[in-house]
Structure formats: C-alpha cells, structure tokens
Amino acid sequence: MTRDEVSDPQNLKMWLEVDGKRYQDGSTETMVFGVAHLVSYVSRFMSLQPGDIISTGTLRASAWDRNRQSI
C-alpha cells in the first residue's frame, strides 16, 4: 500500500484466520507502538521500500492466550 491508499494508518483492521476460522480480530489502533513510530524506528536501520512488511507480533487476546490447544 502507498500513503495515498490509506486514509488513517492508525485505524487499519487486522485479523488472523486459519482454515476459515477467525482466531484474532483487531486494529492498528490498539498497538503498543503507533504506525508512524514503527516506520520511523525501522527507517533508522534500513531503507523501507513499497511492499516491505514490518512484523510486530500478535494482536491483543491472541488465540495462543485464549486457547492453547486450538493451534
């Protein structure tokens, strides 16, 4: 995605589905570090290019926390 395709990067929906079953549902709004902070921080160490992914971990109330036997 490019900047002009996202009206509010701090309010993007995120989810995890495995075999059609949804285990997590959340938003960038609840992340510990905001999107702008993450992009700024990572940019100190590497050049970000279109299509790059910044992995940040799991959403709140992850499937692992709720039901360790599910996955």
Protein backbone atom coordinates (compact mmCIF):
# COMPACT_ATOMS: atom_id res chain seq x y z
CA MET A 1 0.00 0.00 0.00
CA THR A 2 1.07 3.54 -0.59
CA ARG A 3 0.36 6.50 1.67
CA ASP A 4 -2.44 7.79 -0.60
CA GLU A 5 -4.28 4.43 -0.33
CA VAL A 6 -4.62 4.61 3.47
CA SER A 7 -6.68 7.41 5.00
CA ASP A 8 -5.75 6.58 8.62
CA PRO A 9 -2.86 4.12 9.19
CA GLN A 10 -3.63 4.15 12.92
CA ASN A 11 -7.06 2.61 12.27
CA LEU A 12 -6.47 -0.39 9.99
CA LYS A 13 -8.25 -3.67 10.64
CA MET A 14 -6.12 -6.77 11.17
CA TRP A 15 -7.18 -10.38 11.66
CA LEU A 16 -5.91 -13.94 11.68
CA GLU A 17 -7.82 -16.78 10.09
CA VAL A 18 -6.70 -20.41 9.93
CA ASP A 19 -8.69 -22.79 7.73
CA GLY A 20 -11.55 -20.30 7.60
CA LYS A 21 -11.79 -19.89 11.39
CA ARG A 22 -11.08 -16.43 12.80
CA TYR A 23 -8.80 -16.50 15.82
CA GLN A 24 -7.90 -12.83 16.15
CA ASP A 25 -9.59 -9.58 15.22
CA GLY A 26 -8.14 -6.16 15.94
CA SER A 27 -6.86 -2.85 14.67
CA THR A 28 -3.65 -0.86 14.45
CA GLU A 29 -5.41 1.47 16.90
CA THR A 30 -4.62 -0.89 19.82
CA MET A 31 -0.95 -1.47 19.02
CA VAL A 32 1.57 -0.62 21.75
CA PHE A 33 3.62 1.50 19.32
CA GLY A 34 1.87 3.57 16.68
CA VAL A 35 2.37 3.02 12.97
CA ALA A 36 4.30 6.27 12.48
CA HIS A 37 6.62 5.41 15.36
CA LEU A 38 7.31 1.91 13.96
CA VAL A 39 8.04 3.21 10.46
CA SER A 40 10.31 5.93 11.85
CA TYR A 41 12.17 3.50 14.11
CA VAL A 42 12.72 0.82 11.43
CA SER A 43 13.79 3.52 8.95
CA ARG A 44 16.74 4.32 11.21
CA PHE A 45 18.25 0.92 10.40
CA MET A 46 17.11 0.15 6.87
CA SER A 47 15.51 1.72 3.82
CA LEU A 48 11.86 0.75 3.51
CA GLN A 49 10.55 0.04 0.03
CA PRO A 50 6.99 -0.37 -1.25
CA GLY A 51 5.77 -3.83 -0.31
CA ASP A 52 8.01 -4.17 2.77
CA ILE A 53 6.37 -5.68 5.87
CA ILE A 54 7.12 -4.70 9.46
CA SER A 55 6.24 -7.65 11.69
CA THR A 56 5.16 -6.57 15.16
CA GLY A 57 3.77 -9.69 16.86
CA THR A 58 0.24 -10.77 17.72
CA LEU A 59 -2.93 -8.83 18.32
CA ARG A 60 -4.42 -8.42 21.78
CA ALA A 61 -6.16 -11.50 23.14
CA SER A 62 -4.30 -13.73 20.75
CA ALA A 63 -5.53 -17.22 20.00
CA TRP A 64 -2.50 -18.56 21.88
CA ASP A 65 -3.64 -16.83 25.08
CA ARG A 66 -7.30 -17.81 24.74
CA ASN A 67 -6.98 -21.44 23.82
CA ARG A 68 -3.54 -23.00 23.57
CA GLN A 69 -5.00 -26.23 22.17
CA SER A 70 -6.60 -24.57 19.13
CA ILE A 71 -3.49 -24.02 17.09
